[in-house]
PDB file of N, CA and C in Angstrom:
ATOM      1  N   UNK A   1     -63.715 -64.329 -99.526  1.00  0.00           N
ATOM      2  CA  UNK A   1     -62.850 -64.418 -98.376  1.00  0.00           C
ATOM      3  C   UNK A   1     -61.832 -63.274 -98.410  1.00  0.00           C
ATOM      4  N   UNK A   2     -61.781 -62.508 -97.339  1.00  0.00           N
ATOM      5  CA  UNK A   2     -60.823 -61.413 -97.251  1.00  0.00           C
ATOM      6  C   UNK A   2     -59.464 -61.940 -96.806  1.00  0.00           C
ATOM      7  N   UNK A   3     -58.433 -61.375 -97.378  1.00  0.00           N
ATOM      8  CA  UNK A   3     -57.065 -61.761 -97.055  1.00  0.00           C
ATOM      9  C   UNK A   3     -56.385 -60.575 -96.383  1.00  0.00           C
ATOM     10  N   UNK A   4     -55.654 -60.853 -95.304  1.00  0.00           N
ATOM     11  CA  UNK A   4     -54.896 -59.805 -94.624  1.00  0.00           C
ATOM     12  C   UNK A   4     -53.413 -60.085 -94.799  1.00  0.00           C
ATOM     13  N   UNK A   5     -52.696 -59.084 -95.311  1.00  0.00           N
ATOM     14  CA  UNK A   5     -51.245 -59.196 -95.473  1.00  0.00           C
ATOM     15  C   UNK A   5     -50.586 -57.963 -94.865  1.00  0.00           C
ATOM     16  N   UNK A   6     -49.400 -58.158 -94.317  1.00  0.00           N
ATOM     17  CA  UNK A   6     -48.619 -57.057 -93.767  1.00  0.00           C
ATOM     18  C   UNK A   6     -47.356 -56.900 -94.605  1.00  0.00           C
ATOM     19  N   UNK A   7     -47.172 -55.707 -95.115  1.00  0.00           N
ATOM     20  CA  UNK A   7     -46.045 -55.363 -95.981  1.00  0.00           C
ATOM     21  C   UNK A   7     -45.042 -54.557 -95.156  1.00  0.00           C
ATOM     22  N   UNK A   8     -43.815 -55.020 -95.081  1.00  0.00           N
ATOM     23  CA  UNK A   8     -42.772 -54.323 -94.326  1.00  0.00           C
ATOM     24  C   UNK A   8     -42.090 -53.324 -95.265  1.00  0.00           C
ATOM     25  N   UNK A   9     -42.200 -52.040 -94.896  1.00  0.00           N
ATOM     26  CA  UNK A   9     -41.711 -50.948 -95.738  1.00  0.00           C
ATOM     27  C   UNK A   9     -40.763 -50.096 -94.881  1.00  0.00           C
ATOM     28  N   UNK A  10     -39.464 -50.402 -94.892  1.00  0.00           N
ATOM     29  CA  UNK A  10     -38.533 -49.782 -93.948  1.00  0.00           C
ATOM     30  C   UNK A  10     -38.325 -48.281 -94.108  1.00  0.00           C
ATOM     31  N   UNK A  11     -38.655 -47.719 -95.253  1.00  0.00           N
ATOM     32  CA  UNK A  11     -38.369 -46.302 -95.487  1.00  0.00           C
ATOM     33  C   UNK A  11     -39.500 -45.353 -95.111  1.00  0.00           C
ATOM     34  N   UNK A  12     -40.615 -45.855 -94.556  1.00  0.00           N
ATOM     35  CA  UNK A  12     -41.690 -44.938 -94.180  1.00  0.00           C
ATOM     36  C   UNK A  12     -41.408 -44.349 -92.804  1.00  0.00           C
ATOM     37  N   UNK A  13     -41.669 -43.026 -92.674  1.00  0.00           N
ATOM     38  CA  UNK A  13     -41.316 -42.385 -91.409  1.00  0.00           C
ATOM     39  C   UNK A  13     -42.185 -41.191 -91.029  1.00  0.00           C
ATOM     40  N   UNK A  14     -43.075 -40.735 -91.919  1.00  0.00           N
ATOM     41  CA  UNK A  14     -43.801 -39.498 -91.621  1.00  0.00           C
ATOM     42  C   UNK A  14     -45.213 -39.534 -92.220  1.00  0.00           C
ATOM     43  N   UNK A  15     -45.982 -38.502 -91.921  1.00  0.00           N
ATOM     44  CA  UNK A  15     -47.351 -38.430 -92.438  1.00  0.00           C
ATOM     45  C   UNK A  15     -47.389 -38.352 -93.958  1.00  0.00           C
ATOM     46  N   UNK A  16     -46.382 -37.737 -94.568  1.00  0.00           N
ATOM     47  CA  UNK A  16     -46.333 -37.701 -96.037  1.00  0.00           C
ATOM     48  C   UNK A  16     -46.219 -39.116 -96.595  1.00  0.00           C
ATOM     49  N   UNK A  17     -45.391 -39.938 -95.963  1.00  0.00           N
ATOM     50  CA  UNK A  17     -45.258 -41.342 -96.374  1.00  0.00           C
ATOM     51  C   UNK A  17     -46.617 -42.031 -96.290  1.00  0.00           C
ATOM     52  N   UNK A  18     -47.281 -41.838 -95.163  1.00  0.00           N
ATOM     53  CA  UNK A  18     -48.583 -42.462 -94.933  1.00  0.00           C
ATOM     54  C   UNK A  18     -49.591 -42.039 -96.006  1.00  0.00           C
ATOM     55  N   UNK A  19     -49.712 -40.736 -96.237  1.00  0.00           N
ATOM     56  CA  UNK A  19     -50.722 -40.262 -97.185  1.00  0.00           C
ATOM     57  C   UNK A  19     -50.397 -40.670 -98.619  1.00  0.00           C
ATOM     58  N   UNK A  20     -49.115 -40.734 -98.966  1.00  0.00           N
ATOM     59  CA  UNK A  20     -48.725 -41.172-100.309  1.00  0.00           C
ATOM     60  C   UNK A  20     -49.120 -42.622-100.550  1.00  0.00           C
ATOM     61  N   UNK A  21     -48.844 -43.473 -99.579  1.00  0.00           N
ATOM     62  CA  UNK A  21     -49.186 -44.892 -99.705  1.00  0.00           C
ATOM     63  C   UNK A  21     -50.698 -45.078 -99.695  1.00  0.00           C
ATOM     64  N   UNK A  22     -51.387 -44.406 -98.787  1.00  0.00           N
ATOM     65  CA  UNK A  22     -52.845 -44.525 -98.723  1.00  0.00           C
ATOM     66  C   UNK A  22     -53.495 -44.076-100.029  1.00  0.00           C
ATOM     67  N   UNK A  23     -52.989 -43.010-100.630  1.00  0.00           N
ATOM     68  CA  UNK A  23     -53.551 -42.516-101.891  1.00  0.00           C
ATOM     69  C   UNK A  23     -53.421 -43.558-102.998  1.00  0.00           C
ATOM     70  N   UNK A  24     -52.278 -44.227-103.074  1.00  0.00           N
ATOM     71  CA  UNK A  24     -52.091 -45.265-104.095  1.00  0.00           C
ATOM     72  C   UNK A  24     -52.972 -46.477-103.811  1.00  0.00           C
ATOM     73  N   UNK A  25     -53.073 -46.879-102.551  1.00  0.00           N
ATOM     74  CA  UNK A  25     -53.907 -48.033-102.202  1.00  0.00           C
ATOM     75  C   UNK A  25     -55.381 -47.743-102.456  1.00  0.00           C
ATOM     76  N   UNK A  26     -55.791 -46.492-102.259  1.00  0.00           N
ATOM     77  CA  UNK A  26     -57.192 -46.126-102.488  1.00  0.00           C
ATOM     78  C   UNK A  26     -57.590 -46.259-103.953  1.00  0.00           C
ATOM     79  N   UNK A  27     -56.626 -46.274-104.855  1.00  0.00           N
ATOM     80  CA  UNK A  27     -56.901 -46.438-106.287  1.00  0.00           C
ATOM     81  C   UNK A  27     -57.153 -47.897-106.660  1.00  0.00           C
ATOM     82  N   UNK A  28     -56.743 -48.816-105.783  1.00  0.00           N
ATOM     83  CA  UNK A  28     -56.835 -50.248-106.086  1.00  0.00           C
ATOM     84  C   UNK A  28     -58.219 -50.806-105.811  1.00  0.00           C
ATOM     85  N   UNK A  29     -58.700 -51.592-106.736  1.00  0.00           N
ATOM     86  CA  UNK A  29     -59.930 -52.338-106.503  1.00  0.00           C
ATOM     87  C   UNK A  29     -59.585 -53.528-105.617  1.00  0.00           C
ATOM     88  N   UNK A  30     -60.434 -53.820-104.653  1.00  0.00           N
ATOM     89  CA  UNK A  30     -60.224 -54.987-103.810  1.00  0.00           C
ATOM     90  C   UNK A  30     -59.566 -54.702-102.475  1.00  0.00           C
ATOM     91  N   UNK A  31     -59.244 -53.439-102.198  1.00  0.00           N
ATOM     92  CA  UNK A  31     -58.689 -53.087-100.891  1.00  0.00           C
ATOM     93  C   UNK A  31     -59.851 -52.719 -99.986  1.00  0.00           C
ATOM     94  N   UNK A  32     -60.104 -53.560 -98.976  1.00  0.00           N
ATOM     95  CA  UNK A  32     -61.196 -53.295 -98.048  1.00  0.00           C
ATOM     96  C   UNK A  32     -60.797 -52.310 -96.971  1.00  0.00           C
ATOM     97  N   UNK A  33     -59.600 -52.503 -96.416  1.00  0.00           N
ATOM     98  CA  UNK A  33     -59.074 -51.580 -95.411  1.00  0.00           C
ATOM     99  C   UNK A  33     -57.565 -51.577 -95.513  1.00  0.00           C
ATOM    100  N   UNK A  34     -56.978 -50.486 -95.046  1.00  0.00           N
ATOM    101  CA  UNK A  34     -55.520 -50.378 -95.045  1.00  0.00           C
ATOM    102  C   UNK A  34     -55.099 -49.565 -93.842  1.00  0.00           C
ATOM    103  N   UNK A  35     -53.938 -49.926 -93.283  1.00  0.00           N
ATOM    104  CA  UNK A  35     -53.394 -49.207 -92.134  1.00  0.00           C
ATOM    105  C   UNK A  35     -51.886 -49.079 -92.312  1.00  0.00           C
ATOM    106  N   UNK A  36     -51.408 -47.848 -92.250  1.00  0.00           N
ATOM    107  CA  UNK A  36     -49.975 -47.584 -92.333  1.00  0.00           C
ATOM    108  C   UNK A  36     -49.486 -47.294 -90.919  1.00  0.00           C
ATOM    109  N   UNK A  37     -48.562 -48.113 -90.435  1.00  0.00           N
ATOM    110  CA  UNK A  37     -48.021 -47.960 -89.083  1.00  0.00           C
ATOM    111  C   UNK A  37     -46.590 -47.438 -89.191  1.00  0.00           C
ATOM    112  N   UNK A  38     -46.413 -46.162 -88.844  1.00  0.00           N
ATOM    113  CA  UNK A  38     -45.096 -45.540 -88.966  1.00  0.00           C
ATOM    114  C   UNK A  38     -44.102 -46.072 -87.943  1.00  0.00           C
ATOM    115  N   UNK A  39     -44.579 -46.484 -86.777  1.00  0.00           N
ATOM    116  CA  UNK A  39     -43.694 -47.005 -85.734  1.00  0.00           C
ATOM    117  C   UNK A  39     -43.108 -48.354 -86.139  1.00  0.00           C
ATOM    118  N   UNK A  40     -43.987 -49.260 -86.596  1.00  0.00           N
ATOM    119  CA  UNK A  40     -43.538 -50.597 -87.001  1.00  0.00           C
ATOM    120  C   UNK A  40     -43.037 -50.646 -88.437  1.00  0.00           C
ATOM    121  N   UNK A  41     -43.270 -49.548 -89.182  1.00  0.00           N
ATOM    122  CA  UNK A  41     -42.887 -49.458 -90.594  1.00  0.00           C
ATOM    123  C   UNK A  41     -43.550 -50.562 -91.410  1.00  0.00           C
ATOM    124  N   UNK A  42     -44.863 -50.679 -91.206  1.00  0.00           N
ATOM    125  CA  UNK A  42     -45.641 -51.686 -91.919  1.00  0.00           C
ATOM    126  C   UNK A  42     -46.884 -51.071 -92.541  1.00  0.00           C
ATOM    127  N   UNK A  43     -47.375 -51.759 -93.559  1.00  0.00           N
ATOM    128  CA  UNK A  43     -48.646 -51.423 -94.187  1.00  0.00           C
ATOM    129  C   UNK A  43     -49.470 -52.700 -94.163  1.00  0.00           C
ATOM    130  N   UNK A  44     -50.603 -52.674 -93.482  1.00  0.00           N
ATOM    131  CA  UNK A  44     -51.475 -53.841 -93.399  1.00  0.00           C
ATOM    132  C   UNK A  44     -52.685 -53.595 -94.283  1.00  0.00           C
ATOM    133  N   UNK A  45     -52.945 -54.547 -95.167  1.00  0.00           N
ATOM    134  CA  UNK A  45     -54.042 -54.427 -96.123  1.00  0.00           C
ATOM    135  C   UNK A  45     -54.945 -55.641 -95.988  1.00  0.00           C
ATOM    136  N   UNK A  46     -56.251 -55.378 -95.896  1.00  0.00           N
ATOM    137  CA  UNK A  46     -57.246 -56.444 -95.868  1.00  0.00           C
ATOM    138  C   UNK A  46     -58.133 -56.276 -97.086  1.00  0.00           C
ATOM    139  N   UNK A  47     -58.391 -57.384 -97.765  1.00  0.00           N
ATOM    140  CA  UNK A  47     -59.261 -57.330 -98.933  1.00  0.00           C
ATOM    141  C   UNK A  47     -58.914 -58.425 -99.916  1.00  0.00           C
ATOM    142  N   UNK A  48     -59.296 -58.194-101.161  1.00  0.00           N
ATOM    143  CA  UNK A  48     -59.087 -59.183-102.211  1.00  0.00           C
ATOM    144  C   UNK A  48     -58.004 -58.772-103.209  1.00  0.00           C
ATOM    145  N   UNK A  49     -57.393 -57.613-103.017  1.00  0.00           N
ATOM    146  CA  UNK A  49     -56.332 -57.166-103.924  1.00  0.00           C
ATOM    147  C   UNK A  49     -55.147 -58.128-103.828  1.00  0.00           C
ATOM    148  N   UNK A  50     -54.518 -58.387-104.965  1.00  0.00           N
ATOM    149  CA  UNK A  50     -53.389 -59.320-104.974  1.00  0.00           C
ATOM    150  C   UNK A  50     -52.161 -58.707-104.308  1.00  0.00           C
ATOM    151  N   UNK A  51     -51.297 -59.585-103.845  1.00  0.00           N
ATOM    152  CA  UNK A  51     -50.036 -59.143-103.242  1.00  0.00           C
ATOM    153  C   UNK A  51     -49.236 -58.307-104.238  1.00  0.00           C
ATOM    154  N   UNK A  52     -49.230 -58.734-105.492  1.00  0.00           N
ATOM    155  CA  UNK A  52     -48.483 -58.024-106.524  1.00  0.00           C
ATOM    156  C   UNK A  52     -49.034 -56.618-106.739  1.00  0.00           C
ATOM    157  N   UNK A  53     -50.373 -56.484-106.749  1.00  0.00           N
ATOM    158  CA  UNK A  53     -50.995 -55.175-106.963  1.00  0.00           C
ATOM    159  C   UNK A  53     -50.696 -54.224-105.811  1.00  0.00           C
ATOM    160  N   UNK A  54     -50.756 -54.729-104.588  1.00  0.00           N
ATOM    161  CA  UNK A  54     -50.479 -53.883-103.421  1.00  0.00           C
ATOM    162  C   UNK A  54     -49.003 -53.495-103.400  1.00  0.00           C
ATOM    163  N   UNK A  55     -48.119 -54.439-103.685  1.00  0.00           N
ATOM    164  CA  UNK A  55     -46.687 -54.140-103.734  1.00  0.00           C
ATOM    165  C   UNK A  55     -46.396 -53.072-104.779  1.00  0.00           C
ATOM    166  N   UNK A  56     -47.050 -53.169-105.940  1.00  0.00           N
ATOM    167  CA  UNK A  56     -46.866 -52.167-106.997  1.00  0.00           C
ATOM    168  C   UNK A  56     -47.387 -50.810-106.549  1.00  0.00           C
ATOM    169  N   UNK A  57     -48.526 -50.772-105.874  1.00  0.00           N
ATOM    170  CA  UNK A  57     -49.081 -49.503-105.393  1.00  0.00           C
ATOM    171  C   UNK A  57     -48.127 -48.834-104.407  1.00  0.00           C
ATOM    172  N   UNK A  58     -47.548 -49.620-103.512  1.00  0.00           N
ATOM    173  CA  UNK A  58     -46.588 -49.068-102.550  1.00  0.00           C
ATOM    174  C   UNK A  58     -45.354 -48.561-103.291  1.00  0.00           C
ATOM    175  N   UNK A  59     -44.919 -49.308-104.295  1.00  0.00           N
ATOM    176  CA  UNK A  59     -43.788 -48.887-105.121  1.00  0.00           C
ATOM    177  C   UNK A  59     -44.111 -47.601-105.880  1.00  0.00           C
ATOM    178  N   UNK A  60     -45.324 -47.516-106.419  1.00  0.00           N
ATOM    179  CA  UNK A  60     -45.749 -46.310-107.140  1.00  0.00           C
ATOM    180  C   UNK A  60     -45.763 -45.085-106.232  1.00  0.00           C
ATOM    181  N   UNK A  61     -45.962 -45.314-104.934  1.00  0.00           N
ATOM    182  CA  UNK A  61     -45.928 -44.216-103.961  1.00  0.00           C
ATOM    183  C   UNK A  61     -44.489 -43.806-103.639  1.00  0.00           C
ATOM    184  N   UNK A  62     -43.518 -44.621-104.089  1.00  0.00           N
ATOM    185  CA  UNK A  62     -42.113 -44.282-103.892  1.00  0.00           C
ATOM    186  C   UNK A  62     -41.400 -45.072-102.817  1.00  0.00           C
ATOM    187  N   UNK A  63     -41.983 -46.209-102.415  1.00  0.00           N
ATOM    188  CA  UNK A  63     -41.407 -46.984-101.314  1.00  0.00           C
ATOM    189  C   UNK A  63     -41.228 -48.437-101.728  1.00  0.00           C
ATOM    190  N   UNK A  64     -40.188 -49.069-101.179  1.00  0.00           N
ATOM    191  CA  UNK A  64     -39.887 -50.460-101.493  1.00  0.00           C
ATOM    192  C   UNK A  64     -40.392 -51.371-100.382  1.00  0.00           C
ATOM    193  N   UNK A  65     -41.043 -52.457-100.781  1.00  0.00           N
ATOM    194  CA  UNK A  65     -41.501 -53.467 -99.828  1.00  0.00           C
ATOM    195  C   UNK A  65     -40.341 -54.421 -99.570  1.00  0.00           C
ATOM    196  N   UNK A  66     -39.981 -54.561 -98.296  1.00  0.00           N
ATOM    197  CA  UNK A  66     -38.877 -55.443 -97.912  1.00  0.00           C
ATOM    198  C   UNK A  66     -39.332 -56.896 -97.860  1.00  0.00           C
ATOM    199  N   UNK A  67     -40.500 -57.128 -97.250  1.00  0.00           N
ATOM    200  CA  UNK A  67     -41.059 -58.481 -97.180  1.00  0.00           C
ATOM    201  C   UNK A  67     -42.549 -58.389 -96.888  1.00  0.00           C
ATOM    202  N   UNK A  68     -43.233 -59.514 -97.095  1.00  0.00           N
ATOM    203  CA  UNK A  68     -44.680 -59.580 -96.909  1.00  0.00           C
ATOM    204  C   UNK A  68     -44.999 -60.777 -96.032  1.00  0.00           C
ATOM    205  N   UNK A  69     -45.931 -60.578 -95.096  1.00  0.00           N
ATOM    206  CA  UNK A  69     -46.398 -61.673 -94.244  1.00  0.00           C
ATOM    207  C   UNK A  69     -47.907 -61.767 -94.371  1.00  0.00           C
ATOM    208  N   UNK A  70     -48.417 -62.986 -94.277  1.00  0.00           N
ATOM    209  CA  UNK A  70     -49.860 -63.167 -94.289  1.00  0.00           C
ATOM    210  C   UNK A  70     -50.279 -64.273 -95.222  1.00  0.00           C
ATOM    211  N   UNK A  71     -51.586 -64.434 -95.343  1.00  0.00           N
ATOM    212  CA  UNK A  71     -52.178 -65.518 -96.123  1.00  0.00           C
ATOM    213  C   UNK A  71     -51.727 -65.479 -97.572  1.00  0.00           C
ATOM    214  N   UNK A  72     -51.192 -66.587 -98.040  1.00  0.00           N
ATOM    215  CA  UNK A  72     -50.817 -66.712 -99.438  1.00  0.00           C
ATOM    216  C   UNK A  72     -49.634 -65.859 -99.845  1.00  0.00           C
ATOM    217  N   UNK A  73     -48.889 -65.356 -98.879  1.00  0.00           N
ATOM    218  CA  UNK A  73     -47.772 -64.465 -99.167  1.00  0.00           C
ATOM    219  C   UNK A  73     -46.633 -65.209 -99.841  1.00  0.00           C
ATOM    220  N   UNK A  74     -45.974 -64.505-100.753  1.00  0.00           N
ATOM    221  CA  UNK A  74     -44.776 -65.061-101.372  1.00  0.00           C
ATOM    222  C   UNK A  74     -43.532 -64.551-100.668  1.00  0.00           C
ATOM    223  N   UNK A  75     -43.723 -63.870 -99.529  1.00  0.00           N
ATOM    224  CA  UNK A  75     -42.590 -63.387 -98.753  1.00  0.00           C
ATOM    225  C   UNK A  75     -41.949 -62.141 -99.328  1.00  0.00           C
ATOM    226  N   UNK A  76     -42.679 -61.436-100.180  1.00  0.00           N
ATOM    227  CA  UNK A  76     -42.135 -60.214-100.747  1.00  0.00           C
ATOM    228  C   UNK A  76     -41.453 -60.420-102.077  1.00  0.00           C
ATOM    229  N   UNK A  77     -41.516 -61.645-102.579  1.00  0.00           N
ATOM    230  CA  UNK A  77     -40.912 -61.953-103.861  1.00  0.00           C
ATOM    231  C   UNK A  77     -42.004 -62.457-104.801  1.00  0.00           C
ATOM    232  N   UNK A  78     -42.784 -61.520-105.370  1.00  0.00           N
ATOM    233  CA  UNK A  78     -43.906 -61.927-106.218  1.00  0.00           C
ATOM    234  C   UNK A  78     -43.448 -62.792-107.381  1.00  0.00           C
ATOM    235  N   UNK A  79     -44.219 -63.812-107.655  1.00  0.00           N
ATOM    236  CA  UNK A  79     -43.941 -64.679-108.779  1.00  0.00           C
ATOM    237  C   UNK A  79     -44.521 -64.093-110.048  1.00  0.00           C
ATOM    238  N   UNK A  80     -44.465 -64.837-111.130  1.00  0.00           N
ATOM    239  CA  UNK A  80     -45.001 -64.334-112.396  1.00  0.00           C
ATOM    240  C   UNK A  80     -46.515 -64.167-112.330  1.00  0.00           C
ATOM    241  N   UNK A  81     -47.008 -63.189-113.051  1.00  0.00           N
ATOM    242  CA  UNK A  81     -48.456 -62.978-113.129  1.00  0.00           C
ATOM    243  C   UNK A  81     -48.987 -63.864-114.234  1.00  0.00           C
ATOM    244  N   UNK A  82     -49.932 -64.714-113.895  1.00  0.00           N
ATOM    245  CA  UNK A  82     -50.486 -65.661-114.869  1.00  0.00           C
ATOM    246  C   UNK A  82     -51.767 -65.152-115.452  1.00  0.00           C
TER     247      UNK A  82
END
């Protein structure tokens, strides 16, 4: 089952932001598709990658996730990894 989550990333504003985030997400196993929307300042990811892994990838690209919406979301506050 594919899960779609939208990550709100307020600091994205340009093509460099987009390509940096896409490059990090492309390294993740379980990302089926990803879309960076500069107007809405969101990153939408569909696939099996965990919320924590996607949040870390966005962080590794240099951006902070403000909140997360979607199936099984913790609202941007990831819990402990078990």
